[in-house]
Structure formats: C-alpha cells, structure tokens
Protein backbone atom coordinates (compact mmCIF):
# COMPACT_ATOMS: atom_id res chain seq x y z
CA VAL A 1 -19.40 -5.41 29.12
CA GLY A 2 -15.24 -6.98 29.93
CA GLY A 3 -16.46 -10.79 29.23
CA SER A 4 -18.47 -10.38 26.00
CA VAL A 5 -15.63 -8.19 24.52
CA SER A 6 -13.69 -11.00 25.43
CA ALA A 7 -15.66 -13.01 23.84
CA VAL A 8 -16.36 -11.14 20.06
CA ALA A 9 -12.06 -11.07 20.64
CA MET A 10 -11.59 -15.51 20.75
CA ALA A 11 -14.20 -15.60 18.23
CA PHE A 12 -12.76 -12.83 15.64
CA ALA A 13 -9.78 -14.73 17.19
CA ARG A 14 -10.18 -17.77 16.08
CA ALA A 15 -12.81 -16.89 12.19
CA LEU A 16 -8.69 -15.91 11.64
CA ALA A 17 -6.74 -18.64 12.26
CA ARG A 18 -9.62 -20.88 10.30
CA MET A 19 -9.83 -18.76 7.59
CA GLU A 20 -6.32 -18.19 7.51
CA ASN A 21 -5.51 -22.73 7.51
CA VAL A 22 -7.34 -22.67 4.31
CA LEU A 23 -5.89 -19.71 1.92
CA PRO A 24 -3.07 -20.86 -0.39
CA PRO A 25 0.90 -20.48 0.90
CA ARG A 26 1.71 -17.42 -1.46
CA LEU A 27 -1.12 -15.31 0.23
CA ARG A 28 -0.40 -15.99 3.47
CA THR A 29 2.47 -14.41 3.89
CA MET A 30 0.06 -10.72 2.47
CA TRP A 31 -1.75 -12.29 5.06
CA ASN A 32 0.59 -12.70 8.28
CA HIS A 33 2.65 -9.21 7.15
CA PRO A 34 2.77 -6.46 9.75
CA ALA A 35 0.54 -4.71 7.48
CA GLY A 36 -1.53 -7.03 6.30
CA PRO A 37 -5.60 -7.93 6.32
CA LYS A 38 -5.58 -9.24 9.83
CA THR A 39 -4.36 -5.22 10.72
CA ILE A 40 -5.63 -1.56 11.16
CA HIS A 41 -2.27 -1.27 8.94
CA PHE A 42 -4.45 -2.94 6.07
CA TRP A 43 -7.61 -1.51 6.72
CA ALA A 44 -7.70 2.13 7.12
CA PRO A 45 -5.69 2.33 3.48
CA THR A 46 -7.93 0.91 1.75
CA TRP A 47 -11.07 2.64 3.29
CA LYS A 48 -9.23 5.52 2.15
CA TRP A 49 -9.62 4.39 -1.55
CA ALA A 50 -13.34 6.06 -1.10
CA LEU A 51 -11.11 9.67 -0.98
CA VAL A 52 -9.54 8.88 -4.39
CA PHE A 53 -12.86 8.04 -6.26
CA ALA A 54 -14.97 10.10 -5.39
CA ASN A 55 -11.52 12.38 -6.07
CA VAL A 56 -11.97 10.84 -9.56
CA ALA A 57 -16.02 11.28 -9.59
CA ASP A 58 -15.47 15.20 -9.69
CA TYR A 59 -14.13 15.00 -12.41
CA THR A 60 -17.21 15.69 -14.22
CA ARG A 61 -18.80 18.22 -12.29
CA PRO A 62 -18.12 21.89 -13.14
CA ALA A 63 -14.72 23.69 -11.70
CA GLU A 64 -16.55 26.53 -10.84
CA LYS A 65 -18.23 24.28 -8.71
CA LEU A 66 -15.49 22.39 -6.26
CA SER A 67 -13.75 23.36 -3.13
CA LEU A 68 -10.36 24.80 -3.20
CA GLY A 69 -9.94 24.07 0.28
CA GLN A 70 -10.98 20.31 -0.19
CA SER A 71 -9.08 19.83 -2.92
CA GLY A 72 -5.95 21.17 -1.23
CA ALA A 73 -6.83 19.51 2.51
CA LEU A 74 -6.21 15.75 -0.06
CA ALA A 75 -3.97 17.23 -2.35
CA ALA A 76 -1.31 18.34 1.44
CA THR A 77 -2.74 15.64 3.05
CA GLY A 78 -1.78 12.49 -0.24
CA ILE A 79 1.42 13.85 -0.24
CA VAL A 80 2.75 14.25 3.48
CA TRP A 81 1.30 10.54 4.03
CA ALA A 82 2.81 9.05 1.20
CA ARG A 83 6.08 10.61 2.22
CA TYR A 84 5.29 9.21 6.37
CA SER A 85 3.84 5.71 4.80
CA THR A 86 7.73 5.38 3.51
CA VAL A 87 9.35 5.80 6.96
CA ILE A 88 6.81 3.53 8.71
CA THR A 89 7.36 -0.01 10.62
CA PRO A 90 6.49 -1.65 8.77
CA ARG A 91 6.69 -0.14 5.51
CA ASN A 92 3.07 0.60 4.21
CA TRP A 93 2.11 0.09 0.76
CA ASN A 94 -1.58 0.15 0.02
CA LEU A 95 -0.90 3.50 2.42
CA PHE A 96 2.19 5.61 -0.35
CA SER A 97 -0.19 4.47 -3.27
CA VAL A 98 -3.68 6.07 -1.56
CA ASN A 99 -1.94 9.00 -0.77
CA CYS A 100 0.43 9.19 -3.93
CA LEU A 101 -3.23 9.45 -6.07
CA LEU A 102 -4.56 11.16 -3.59
CA GLY A 103 -2.31 13.63 -3.44
CA LEU A 104 -2.66 13.25 -7.82
CA THR A 105 -5.83 13.63 -7.84
CA GLY A 106 -6.13 16.27 -5.61
CA ILE A 107 -3.56 18.50 -7.66
CA MET A 108 -5.53 17.79 -10.98
CA GLN A 109 -8.81 19.41 -9.03
CA LEU A 110 -7.02 22.38 -7.70
CA VAL A 111 -5.11 22.56 -11.96
CA ARG A 112 -8.45 22.63 -13.16
CA ILE A 113 -9.47 25.54 -10.23
CA TYR A 114 -7.00 27.32 -10.92
CA ASN A 115 -7.36 27.88 -14.88
CA CYS A 116 -11.40 28.23 -14.46
CA TYR A 117 -10.55 30.99 -12.47
CA ARG A 118 -7.67 32.11 -14.31
CA GLU A 119 -9.97 31.95 -18.01
CA LYS A 120 -12.69 33.80 -15.85
CA GLY A 121 -10.98 36.85 -15.22
CA LYS A 122 -10.21 36.72 -19.22
CA ASP A 123 -13.70 36.54 -19.31
CA GLU A 124 -13.46 39.37 -17.29
CA ASP A 125 -10.78 41.05 -19.06
CA ASP A 126 -12.16 41.24 -22.32
CA ASP A 127 -16.17 42.49 -21.66
CA ALA A 128 -14.64 45.24 -19.55
CA LYS A 129 -12.62 45.84 -22.43
CA LYS A 130 -15.74 46.38 -24.73
C-alpha cells in the first residue's frame, strides 16, 4: 500500500508541474501562492462556498421552517473564522470572503426567524385581545 500511495503522489506532482508549465505568467503567481490551488488552504474554503449558496437558497423557504440553531451556528462560524483568516499565515482571502458571507447570510436568516416569531407573537396577542 505504501508504494502505491507514493506512486500516486509522484504522478500528482508531475501533473501539477505540467499544468504550471502551460499557465500564463500572471496565473503562476496565484498558482504558487501559499494558499493557492495546489494546497488545502485553497480547496477547503472553496468547497465552503456551498454552505453560503445553501443559505441563500433558504431565503425561498418560509422563516418558520428555518432552524434557529443552524442559522446561529453558521453566523457564529462565519464571524469567528473571518477574523481567524486575517491573522493566520498565509493570509487566505478566499477563506476570509467565504466566512464573511457565511456570517452575513446566517445573520440575515436569524433576522428572518426573529421577525417571524415576533409577528407570530403579535398575532397571538391580537387573538387573545378578541
């Protein structure tokens, strides 16, 4: 198993080197950046964009069907990791931007949930007064 893993790693390294040779000089800077596409520092936040898109897609759902815990967790995660992404080395602006938007979309969902429960409370108060 160890030999096959190193063979795959060597093939991957050769493929990366070939790709780098065909890149224009402007793109080589990004390609070789410490948080560029050759590292996990690029791919983890890139896949995290799926959470932002899912949160945006939830704007079409009624607010009473949204999860307070999930929206709160996404908002908190976005805010905490946005700060973290500015103090780590290498600075990762992809991580910063995805977490800013994750926090923002989470906060917007929390506001929708709050407004829904506030309106529901007003409706119950109006019904009780009748």
